[in-house]
Amino acid sequence: MPEIPDEEEPHRTGLTRRKERGTQKGLAITGRKCLFIQHCKKNAKTLSEPDWYAMISNLALFEGGEDAIHKLSKPYPKYDQKVTQAKIDHFINPALSR
C-alpha cells in the first residue's frame, strides 16, 4: 500500500511541495474519455480562465501534457506561449512563481 504523504510539513514551513512534471501515463485516454477535457477542446476559443487553469492542472502531470496544454490553448485569440508556460510552471511549483 502506498504511503500517504505528510501534508502538515509544507504548511508548517510555508513551503509548497513540487508536483512531478510530466511523469504520469494516460494522456491519450484522458483526452478521449474526460468530458471536461473534451469541453476545453471544443470551447478553446472562449474558455474562461478558471476552466483553462483547471485544464492545465488536469494535464500538466502527464507525459506530453505541456505540449497538449499549448495545443489546446492555441485557438484562444489571446494565446501567448510564455503566459501559458508560466501558468503551467505555477501549477507545477507555485513556490517559484512568487
PDB file of N, CA and C in Angstrom:
ATOM      1  N   MET A   1       0.845  -1.177   0.000  1.00  0.00           N
ATOM      2  CA  MET A   1       0.000   0.000   0.000  1.00  0.00           C
ATOM      3  C   MET A   1       0.896   1.248   0.000  1.00  0.00           C
ATOM      4  N   PRO A   2       0.637   2.214  -0.900  1.00  0.00           N
ATOM      5  CA  PRO A   2       1.472   3.420  -0.938  1.00  0.00           C
ATOM      6  C   PRO A   2       1.343   4.250   0.333  1.00  0.00           C
ATOM      7  N   GLU A   3       2.408   4.882   0.693  1.00  0.00           N
ATOM      8  CA  GLU A   3       2.412   5.738   1.866  1.00  0.00           C
ATOM      9  C   GLU A   3       1.747   7.067   1.541  1.00  0.00           C
ATOM     10  N   ILE A   4       0.910   7.544   2.427  1.00  0.00           N
ATOM     11  CA  ILE A   4       0.253   8.835   2.246  1.00  0.00           C
ATOM     12  C   ILE A   4       1.217   9.918   2.701  1.00  0.00           C
ATOM     13  N   PRO A   5       1.482  10.902   1.832  1.00  0.00           N
ATOM     14  CA  PRO A   5       2.439  11.949   2.215  1.00  0.00           C
ATOM     15  C   PRO A   5       1.934  12.786   3.387  1.00  0.00           C
ATOM     16  N   ASP A   6       2.860  13.250   4.191  1.00  0.00           N
ATOM     17  CA  ASP A   6       2.541  14.114   5.319  1.00  0.00           C
ATOM     18  C   ASP A   6       2.246  15.510   4.792  1.00  0.00           C
ATOM     19  N   GLU A   7       1.004  15.948   4.922  1.00  0.00           N
ATOM     20  CA  GLU A   7       0.597  17.251   4.394  1.00  0.00           C
ATOM     21  C   GLU A   7       0.879  18.394   5.368  1.00  0.00           C
ATOM     22  N   GLU A   8       1.206  18.068   6.610  1.00  0.00           N
ATOM     23  CA  GLU A   8       1.417  19.130   7.589  1.00  0.00           C
ATOM     24  C   GLU A   8       2.730  19.867   7.401  1.00  0.00           C
ATOM     25  N   GLU A   9       3.762  19.171   7.024  1.00  0.00           N
ATOM     26  CA  GLU A   9       5.074  19.800   6.933  1.00  0.00           C
ATOM     27  C   GLU A   9       5.097  21.009   5.992  1.00  0.00           C
ATOM     28  N   PRO A  10       4.546  20.938   4.757  1.00  0.00           N
ATOM     29  CA  PRO A  10       4.587  22.133   3.909  1.00  0.00           C
ATOM     30  C   PRO A  10       3.875  23.332   4.539  1.00  0.00           C
ATOM     31  N   HIS A  11       2.803  23.079   5.286  1.00  0.00           N
ATOM     32  CA  HIS A  11       2.083  24.176   5.924  1.00  0.00           C
ATOM     33  C   HIS A  11       2.890  24.781   7.072  1.00  0.00           C
ATOM     34  N   ARG A  12       3.571  23.926   7.815  1.00  0.00           N
ATOM     35  CA  ARG A  12       4.374  24.423   8.932  1.00  0.00           C
ATOM     36  C   ARG A  12       5.549  25.252   8.445  1.00  0.00           C
ATOM     37  N   THR A  13       6.166  24.830   7.358  1.00  0.00           N
ATOM     38  CA  THR A  13       7.354  25.530   6.885  1.00  0.00           C
ATOM     39  C   THR A  13       7.026  26.650   5.914  1.00  0.00           C
ATOM     40  N   GLY A  14       5.775  26.665   5.422  1.00  0.00           N
ATOM     41  CA  GLY A  14       5.394  27.678   4.448  1.00  0.00           C
ATOM     42  C   GLY A  14       5.824  27.326   3.033  1.00  0.00           C
ATOM     43  N   LEU A  15       6.367  26.128   2.832  1.00  0.00           N
ATOM     44  CA  LEU A  15       6.796  25.698   1.506  1.00  0.00           C
ATOM     45  C   LEU A  15       5.707  24.860   0.856  1.00  0.00           C
ATOM     46  N   THR A  16       5.690  24.873  -0.447  1.00  0.00           N
ATOM     47  CA  THR A  16       4.743  24.059  -1.192  1.00  0.00           C
ATOM     48  C   THR A  16       5.500  22.946  -1.878  1.00  0.00           C
ATOM     49  N   ARG A  17       4.962  21.740  -1.788  1.00  0.00           N
ATOM     50  CA  ARG A  17       5.602  20.615  -2.450  1.00  0.00           C
ATOM     51  C   ARG A  17       5.554  20.761  -3.956  1.00  0.00           C
ATOM     52  N   ARG A  18       6.629  20.426  -4.614  1.00  0.00           N
ATOM     53  CA  ARG A  18       6.714  20.465  -6.074  1.00  0.00           C
ATOM     54  C   ARG A  18       6.006  19.241  -6.643  1.00  0.00           C
ATOM     55  N   LYS A  19       5.158  19.446  -7.632  1.00  0.00           N
ATOM     56  CA  LYS A  19       4.495  18.342  -8.308  1.00  0.00           C
ATOM     57  C   LYS A  19       5.440  17.776  -9.360  1.00  0.00           C
ATOM     58  N   GLU A  20       5.262  16.526  -9.682  1.00  0.00           N
ATOM     59  CA  GLU A  20       6.097  15.895 -10.705  1.00  0.00           C
ATOM     60  C   GLU A  20       5.631  16.315 -12.086  1.00  0.00           C
ATOM     61  N   ARG A  21       6.512  16.892 -12.834  1.00  0.00           N
ATOM     62  CA  ARG A  21       6.222  17.409 -14.170  1.00  0.00           C
ATOM     63  C   ARG A  21       6.256  16.271 -15.195  1.00  0.00           C
ATOM     64  N   GLY A  22       5.113  16.035 -15.849  1.00  0.00           N
ATOM     65  CA  GLY A  22       5.049  15.136 -16.985  1.00  0.00           C
ATOM     66  C   GLY A  22       5.496  13.709 -16.771  1.00  0.00           C
ATOM     67  N   THR A  23       5.125  13.100 -15.660  1.00  0.00           N
ATOM     68  CA  THR A  23       5.571  11.737 -15.400  1.00  0.00           C
ATOM     69  C   THR A  23       4.448  10.705 -15.485  1.00  0.00           C
ATOM     70  N   GLN A  24       3.210  11.128 -15.458  1.00  0.00           N
ATOM     71  CA  GLN A  24       2.082  10.196 -15.455  1.00  0.00           C
ATOM     72  C   GLN A  24       1.775   9.694 -16.864  1.00  0.00           C
ATOM     73  N   LYS A  25       1.329   8.468 -16.954  1.00  0.00           N
ATOM     74  CA  LYS A  25       0.883   7.872 -18.216  1.00  0.00           C
ATOM     75  C   LYS A  25      -0.616   8.128 -18.356  1.00  0.00           C
ATOM     76  N   GLY A  26      -1.127   8.058 -19.590  1.00  0.00           N
ATOM     77  CA  GLY A  26      -2.567   8.107 -19.779  1.00  0.00           C
ATOM     78  C   GLY A  26      -3.125   9.370 -20.400  1.00  0.00           C
ATOM     79  N   LEU A  27      -2.275  10.202 -20.987  1.00  0.00           N
ATOM     80  CA  LEU A  27      -2.756  11.450 -21.582  1.00  0.00           C
ATOM     81  C   LEU A  27      -3.789  11.187 -22.679  1.00  0.00           C
ATOM     82  N   ALA A  28      -3.507  10.244 -23.555  1.00  0.00           N
ATOM     83  CA  ALA A  28      -4.413   9.982 -24.685  1.00  0.00           C
ATOM     84  C   ALA A  28      -5.789   9.526 -24.213  1.00  0.00           C
ATOM     85  N   ILE A  29      -5.831   8.617 -23.264  1.00  0.00           N
ATOM     86  CA  ILE A  29      -7.126   8.134 -22.786  1.00  0.00           C
ATOM     87  C   ILE A  29      -7.881   9.234 -22.033  1.00  0.00           C
ATOM     88  N   THR A  30      -7.153  10.081 -21.342  1.00  0.00           N
ATOM     89  CA  THR A  30      -7.787  11.212 -20.664  1.00  0.00           C
ATOM     90  C   THR A  30      -8.425  12.135 -21.692  1.00  0.00           C
ATOM     91  N   GLY A  31      -7.732  12.407 -22.771  1.00  0.00           N
ATOM     92  CA  GLY A  31      -8.269  13.248 -23.828  1.00  0.00           C
ATOM     93  C   GLY A  31      -9.507  12.661 -24.480  1.00  0.00           C
ATOM     94  N   ARG A  32      -9.554  11.332 -24.566  1.00  0.00           N
ATOM     95  CA  ARG A  32     -10.708  10.670 -25.186  1.00  0.00           C
ATOM     96  C   ARG A  32     -11.882  10.500 -24.248  1.00  0.00           C
ATOM     97  N   LYS A  33     -11.618  10.271 -22.971  1.00  0.00           N
ATOM     98  CA  LYS A  33     -12.690   9.895 -22.050  1.00  0.00           C
ATOM     99  C   LYS A  33     -13.141  10.992 -21.089  1.00  0.00           C
ATOM    100  N   CYS A  34     -12.298  11.977 -20.851  1.00  0.00           N
ATOM    101  CA  CYS A  34     -12.639  13.019 -19.874  1.00  0.00           C
ATOM    102  C   CYS A  34     -13.539  14.073 -20.521  1.00  0.00           C
ATOM    103  N   LEU A  35     -14.760  14.171 -20.034  1.00  0.00           N
ATOM    104  CA  LEU A  35     -15.716  15.128 -20.593  1.00  0.00           C
ATOM    105  C   LEU A  35     -15.247  16.570 -20.397  1.00  0.00           C
ATOM    106  N   PHE A  36     -14.559  16.840 -19.296  1.00  0.00           N
ATOM    107  CA  PHE A  36     -14.074  18.198 -19.063  1.00  0.00           C
ATOM    108  C   PHE A  36     -13.012  18.586 -20.098  1.00  0.00           C
ATOM    109  N   ILE A  37     -12.081  17.701 -20.368  1.00  0.00           N
ATOM    110  CA  ILE A  37     -11.040  17.995 -21.361  1.00  0.00           C
ATOM    111  C   ILE A  37     -11.678  18.140 -22.745  1.00  0.00           C
ATOM    112  N   GLN A  38     -12.669  17.323 -23.049  1.00  0.00           N
ATOM    113  CA  GLN A  38     -13.390  17.457 -24.320  1.00  0.00           C
ATOM    114  C   GLN A  38     -14.082  18.818 -24.400  1.00  0.00           C
ATOM    115  N   HIS A  39     -14.661  19.260 -23.290  1.00  0.00           N
ATOM    116  CA  HIS A  39     -15.282  20.595 -23.216  1.00  0.00           C
ATOM    117  C   HIS A  39     -14.239  21.681 -23.497  1.00  0.00           C
ATOM    118  N   CYS A  40     -13.067  21.541 -22.893  1.00  0.00           N
ATOM    119  CA  CYS A  40     -12.000  22.531 -23.085  1.00  0.00           C
ATOM    120  C   CYS A  40     -11.574  22.591 -24.548  1.00  0.00           C
ATOM    121  N   LYS A  41     -11.456  21.434 -25.174  1.00  0.00           N
ATOM    122  CA  LYS A  41     -11.056  21.395 -26.584  1.00  0.00           C
ATOM    123  C   LYS A  41     -12.132  22.023 -27.464  1.00  0.00           C
ATOM    124  N   LYS A  42     -13.379  21.664 -27.225  1.00  0.00           N
ATOM    125  CA  LYS A  42     -14.493  22.168 -28.038  1.00  0.00           C
ATOM    126  C   LYS A  42     -14.664  23.677 -27.887  1.00  0.00           C
ATOM    127  N   ASN A  43     -14.411  24.189 -26.694  1.00  0.00           N
ATOM    128  CA  ASN A  43     -14.652  25.603 -26.392  1.00  0.00           C
ATOM    129  C   ASN A  43     -13.368  26.402 -26.197  1.00  0.00           C
ATOM    130  N   ALA A  44     -12.287  25.955 -26.795  1.00  0.00           N
ATOM    131  CA  ALA A  44     -10.968  26.577 -26.578  1.00  0.00           C
ATOM    132  C   ALA A  44     -10.953  28.064 -26.908  1.00  0.00           C
ATOM    133  N   LYS A  45     -11.688  28.480 -27.913  1.00  0.00           N
ATOM    134  CA  LYS A  45     -11.677  29.894 -28.319  1.00  0.00           C
ATOM    135  C   LYS A  45     -12.303  30.807 -27.270  1.00  0.00           C
ATOM    136  N   THR A  46     -13.197  30.267 -26.445  1.00  0.00           N
ATOM    137  CA  THR A  46     -13.924  31.097 -25.480  1.00  0.00           C
ATOM    138  C   THR A  46     -13.802  30.585 -24.046  1.00  0.00           C
ATOM    139  N   LEU A  47     -12.887  29.678 -23.803  1.00  0.00           N
ATOM    140  CA  LEU A  47     -12.754  29.073 -22.481  1.00  0.00           C
ATOM    141  C   LEU A  47     -12.421  30.128 -21.419  1.00  0.00           C
ATOM    142  N   SER A  48     -13.104  30.063 -20.295  1.00  0.00           N
ATOM    143  CA  SER A  48     -12.825  31.009 -19.209  1.00  0.00           C
ATOM    144  C   SER A  48     -11.463  30.698 -18.598  1.00  0.00           C
ATOM    145  N   GLU A  49     -10.866  31.689 -17.952  1.00  0.00           N
ATOM    146  CA  GLU A  49      -9.558  31.462 -17.335  1.00  0.00           C
ATOM    147  C   GLU A  49      -9.618  30.400 -16.239  1.00  0.00           C
ATOM    148  N   PRO A  50     -10.653  30.381 -15.375  1.00  0.00           N
ATOM    149  CA  PRO A  50     -10.699  29.301 -14.377  1.00  0.00           C
ATOM    150  C   PRO A  50     -10.761  27.907 -15.013  1.00  0.00           C
ATOM    151  N   ASP A  51     -11.534  27.754 -16.096  1.00  0.00           N
ATOM    152  CA  ASP A  51     -11.588  26.463 -16.775  1.00  0.00           C
ATOM    153  C   ASP A  51     -10.240  26.154 -17.433  1.00  0.00           C
ATOM    154  N   TRP A  52      -9.613  27.159 -18.001  1.00  0.00           N
ATOM    155  CA  TRP A  52      -8.309  26.979 -18.642  1.00  0.00           C
ATOM    156  C   TRP A  52      -7.273  26.509 -17.621  1.00  0.00           C
ATOM    157  N   TYR A  53      -7.259  27.141 -16.446  1.00  0.00           N
ATOM    158  CA  TYR A  53      -6.302  26.738 -15.423  1.00  0.00           C
ATOM    159  C   TYR A  53      -6.624  25.338 -14.899  1.00  0.00           C
ATOM    160  N   ALA A  54      -7.917  25.013 -14.795  1.00  0.00           N
ATOM    161  CA  ALA A  54      -8.305  23.659 -14.385  1.00  0.00           C
ATOM    162  C   ALA A  54      -7.829  22.636 -15.414  1.00  0.00           C
ATOM    163  N   MET A  55      -7.916  22.985 -16.684  1.00  0.00           N
ATOM    164  CA  MET A  55      -7.413  22.108 -17.745  1.00  0.00           C
ATOM    165  C   MET A  55      -5.909  21.913 -17.572  1.00  0.00           C
ATOM    166  N   ILE A  56      -5.197  22.978 -17.282  1.00  0.00           N
ATOM    167  CA  ILE A  56      -3.748  22.885 -17.043  1.00  0.00           C
ATOM    168  C   ILE A  56      -3.476  21.936 -15.882  1.00  0.00           C
ATOM    169  N   SER A  57      -4.221  22.086 -14.800  1.00  0.00           N
ATOM    170  CA  SER A  57      -3.987  21.249 -13.625  1.00  0.00           C
ATOM    171  C   SER A  57      -4.335  19.787 -13.885  1.00  0.00           C
ATOM    172  N   ASN A  58      -5.200  19.526 -14.846  1.00  0.00           N
ATOM    173  CA  ASN A  58      -5.541  18.150 -15.197  1.00  0.00           C
ATOM    174  C   ASN A  58      -4.509  17.511 -16.125  1.00  0.00           C
ATOM    175  N   LEU A  59      -3.849  18.294 -16.947  1.00  0.00           N
ATOM    176  CA  LEU A  59      -2.970  17.723 -17.970  1.00  0.00           C
ATOM    177  C   LEU A  59      -1.476  17.856 -17.696  1.00  0.00           C
ATOM    178  N   ALA A  60      -1.069  18.792 -16.863  1.00  0.00           N
ATOM    179  CA  ALA A  60       0.355  19.093 -16.698  1.00  0.00           C
ATOM    180  C   ALA A  60       1.177  17.936 -16.140  1.00  0.00           C
ATOM    181  N   LEU A  61       0.557  17.031 -15.428  1.00  0.00           N
ATOM    182  CA  LEU A  61       1.307  15.943 -14.808  1.00  0.00           C
ATOM    183  C   LEU A  61       1.512  14.748 -15.730  1.00  0.00           C
ATOM    184  N   PHE A  62       0.867  14.773 -16.902  1.00  0.00           N
ATOM    185  CA  PHE A  62       1.007  13.678 -17.854  1.00  0.00           C
ATOM    186  C   PHE A  62       2.235  13.852 -18.738  1.00  0.00           C
ATOM    187  N   GLU A  63       2.819  12.737 -19.165  1.00  0.00           N
ATOM    188  CA  GLU A  63       3.848  12.776 -20.204  1.00  0.00           C
ATOM    189  C   GLU A  63       3.209  13.398 -21.438  1.00  0.00           C
ATOM    190  N   GLY A  64       3.799  14.445 -21.966  1.00  0.00           N
ATOM    191  CA  GLY A  64       3.244  15.138 -23.119  1.00  0.00           C
ATOM    192  C   GLY A  64       2.170  16.149 -22.758  1.00  0.00           C
ATOM    193  N   GLY A  65       1.913  16.297 -21.486  1.00  0.00           N
ATOM    194  CA  GLY A  65       0.852  17.184 -21.039  1.00  0.00           C
ATOM    195  C   GLY A  65       1.087  18.650 -21.366  1.00  0.00           C
ATOM    196  N   GLU A  66       2.330  19.090 -21.232  1.00  0.00           N
ATOM    197  CA  GLU A  66       2.623  20.503 -21.516  1.00  0.00           C
ATOM    198  C   GLU A  66       2.375  20.822 -22.990  1.00  0.00           C
ATOM    199  N   ASP A  67       2.782  19.927 -23.866  1.00  0.00           N
ATOM    200  CA  ASP A  67       2.526  20.149 -25.296  1.00  0.00           C
ATOM    201  C   ASP A  67       1.024  20.154 -25.579  1.00  0.00           C
ATOM    202  N   ALA A  68       0.298  19.246 -24.930  1.00  0.00           N
ATOM    203  CA  ALA A  68      -1.154  19.186 -25.110  1.00  0.00           C
ATOM    204  C   ALA A  68      -1.820  20.468 -24.621  1.00  0.00           C
ATOM    205  N   ILE A  69      -1.338  20.998 -23.513  1.00  0.00           N
ATOM    206  CA  ILE A  69      -1.888  22.248 -22.977  1.00  0.00           C
ATOM    207  C   ILE A  69      -1.702  23.377 -23.982  1.00  0.00           C
ATOM    208  N   HIS A  70      -0.514  23.484 -24.533  1.00  0.00           N
ATOM    209  CA  HIS A  70      -0.261  24.536 -25.530  1.00  0.00           C
ATOM    210  C   HIS A  70      -1.143  24.331 -26.761  1.00  0.00           C
ATOM    211  N   LYS A  71      -1.278  23.096 -27.208  1.00  0.00           N
ATOM    212  CA  LYS A  71      -2.104  22.810 -28.380  1.00  0.00           C
ATOM    213  C   LYS A  71      -3.567  23.176 -28.115  1.00  0.00           C
ATOM    214  N   LEU A  72      -4.074  22.820 -26.932  1.00  0.00           N
ATOM    215  CA  LEU A  72      -5.464  23.141 -26.597  1.00  0.00           C
ATOM    216  C   LEU A  72      -5.661  24.635 -26.360  1.00  0.00           C
ATOM    217  N   SER A  73      -4.607  25.342 -25.993  1.00  0.00           N
ATOM    218  CA  SER A  73      -4.701  26.780 -25.699  1.00  0.00           C
ATOM    219  C   SER A  73      -4.586  27.655 -26.946  1.00  0.00           C
ATOM    220  N   LYS A  74      -3.937  27.159 -27.987  1.00  0.00           N
ATOM    221  CA  LYS A  74      -3.665  27.972 -29.181  1.00  0.00           C
ATOM    222  C   LYS A  74      -4.902  28.569 -29.854  1.00  0.00           C
ATOM    223  N   PRO A  75      -6.044  27.886 -29.884  1.00  0.00           N
ATOM    224  CA  PRO A  75      -7.208  28.510 -30.546  1.00  0.00           C
ATOM    225  C   PRO A  75      -7.719  29.773 -29.847  1.00  0.00           C
ATOM    226  N   TYR A  76      -7.349  29.967 -28.577  1.00  0.00           N
ATOM    227  CA  TYR A  76      -7.798  31.159 -27.858  1.00  0.00           C
ATOM    228  C   TYR A  76      -7.187  32.385 -28.535  1.00  0.00           C
ATOM    229  N   PRO A  77      -8.002  33.395 -28.851  1.00  0.00           N
ATOM    230  CA  PRO A  77      -7.496  34.558 -29.605  1.00  0.00           C
ATOM    231  C   PRO A  77      -6.290  35.263 -28.969  1.00  0.00           C
ATOM    232  N   LYS A  78      -6.205  35.276 -27.657  1.00  0.00           N
ATOM    233  CA  LYS A  78      -5.089  35.959 -26.989  1.00  0.00           C
ATOM    234  C   LYS A  78      -4.036  34.979 -26.478  1.00  0.00           C
ATOM    235  N   TYR A  79      -3.972  33.786 -27.091  1.00  0.00           N
ATOM    236  CA  TYR A  79      -2.987  32.790 -26.677  1.00  0.00           C
ATOM    237  C   TYR A  79      -1.590  33.391 -26.723  1.00  0.00           C
ATOM    238  N   ASP A  80      -0.829  33.125 -25.664  1.00  0.00           N
ATOM    239  CA  ASP A  80       0.555  33.563 -25.577  1.00  0.00           C
ATOM    240  C   ASP A  80       1.353  32.395 -25.001  1.00  0.00           C
ATOM    241  N   GLN A  81       2.334  31.937 -25.736  1.00  0.00           N
ATOM    242  CA  GLN A  81       3.116  30.781 -25.323  1.00  0.00           C
ATOM    243  C   GLN A  81       3.779  31.004 -23.967  1.00  0.00           C
ATOM    244  N   LYS A  82       4.336  32.178 -23.755  1.00  0.00           N
ATOM    245  CA  LYS A  82       5.040  32.462 -22.495  1.00  0.00           C
ATOM    246  C   LYS A  82       4.076  32.508 -21.309  1.00  0.00           C
ATOM    247  N   VAL A  83       2.916  33.119 -21.495  1.00  0.00           N
ATOM    248  CA  VAL A  83       1.918  33.185 -20.422  1.00  0.00           C
ATOM    249  C   VAL A  83       1.426  31.783 -20.085  1.00  0.00           C
ATOM    250  N   THR A  84       1.160  30.996 -21.118  1.00  0.00           N
ATOM    251  CA  THR A  84       0.698  29.624 -20.903  1.00  0.00           C
ATOM    252  C   THR A  84       1.753  28.816 -20.160  1.00  0.00           C
ATOM    253  N   GLN A  85       3.009  28.929 -20.580  1.00  0.00           N
ATOM    254  CA  GLN A  85       4.071  28.189 -19.904  1.00  0.00           C
ATOM    255  C   GLN A  85       4.222  28.651 -18.455  1.00  0.00           C
ATOM    256  N   ALA A  86       4.070  29.937 -18.215  1.00  0.00           N
ATOM    257  CA  ALA A  86       4.153  30.454 -16.839  1.00  0.00           C
ATOM    258  C   ALA A  86       3.046  29.871 -15.961  1.00  0.00           C
ATOM    259  N   LYS A  87       1.847  29.707 -16.515  1.00  0.00           N
ATOM    260  CA  LYS A  87       0.739  29.111 -15.743  1.00  0.00           C
ATOM    261  C   LYS A  87       1.024  27.639 -15.461  1.00  0.00           C
ATOM    262  N   ILE A  88       1.594  26.932 -16.426  1.00  0.00           N
ATOM    263  CA  ILE A  88       1.968  25.534 -16.208  1.00  0.00           C
ATOM    264  C   ILE A  88       3.017  25.466 -15.099  1.00  0.00           C
ATOM    265  N   ASP A  89       4.040  26.306 -15.203  1.00  0.00           N
ATOM    266  CA  ASP A  89       5.104  26.330 -14.197  1.00  0.00           C
ATOM    267  C   ASP A  89       4.550  26.671 -12.818  1.00  0.00           C
ATOM    268  N   HIS A  90       3.599  27.591 -12.763  1.00  0.00           N
ATOM    269  CA  HIS A  90       2.979  27.959 -11.493  1.00  0.00           C
ATOM    270  C   HIS A  90       2.242  26.778 -10.889  1.00  0.00           C
ATOM    271  N   PHE A  91       1.538  26.017 -11.719  1.00  0.00           N
ATOM    272  CA  PHE A  91       0.841  24.837 -11.201  1.00  0.00           C
ATOM    273  C   PHE A  91       1.839  23.814 -10.679  1.00  0.00           C
ATOM    274  N   ILE A  92       2.904  23.573 -11.428  1.00  0.00           N
ATOM    275  CA  ILE A  92       3.886  22.561 -11.033  1.00  0.00           C
ATOM    276  C   ILE A  92       4.584  22.950  -9.735  1.00  0.00           C
ATOM    277  N   ASN A  93       4.964  24.209  -9.610  1.00  0.00           N
ATOM    278  CA  ASN A  93       5.679  24.629  -8.403  1.00  0.00           C
ATOM    279  C   ASN A  93       5.302  26.065  -8.047  1.00  0.00           C
ATOM    280  N   PRO A  94       4.199  26.249  -7.335  1.00  0.00           N
ATOM    281  CA  PRO A  94       3.736  27.607  -7.014  1.00  0.00           C
ATOM    282  C   PRO A  94       4.744  28.414  -6.195  1.00  0.00           C
ATOM    283  N   ALA A  95       5.589  27.762  -5.434  1.00  0.00           N
ATOM    284  CA  ALA A  95       6.561  28.491  -4.602  1.00  0.00           C
ATOM    285  C   ALA A  95       7.548  29.275  -5.452  1.00  0.00           C
ATOM    286  N   LEU A  96       7.830  28.807  -6.663  1.00  0.00           N
ATOM    287  CA  LEU A  96       8.779  29.500  -7.532  1.00  0.00           C
ATOM    288  C   LEU A  96       8.145  30.670  -8.269  1.00  0.00           C
ATOM    289  N   SER A  97       6.830  30.759  -8.251  1.00  0.00           N
ATOM    290  CA  SER A  97       6.127  31.787  -9.008  1.00  0.00           C
ATOM    291  C   SER A  97       5.880  33.052  -8.196  1.00  0.00           C
ATOM    292  N   ARG A  98       6.349  33.088  -6.990  1.00  0.00           N
ATOM    293  CA  ARG A  98       6.074  34.264  -6.133  1.00  0.00           C
ATOM    294  C   ARG A  98       6.962  35.409  -6.463  1.00  0.00           C
TER     295      ARG A  98
END
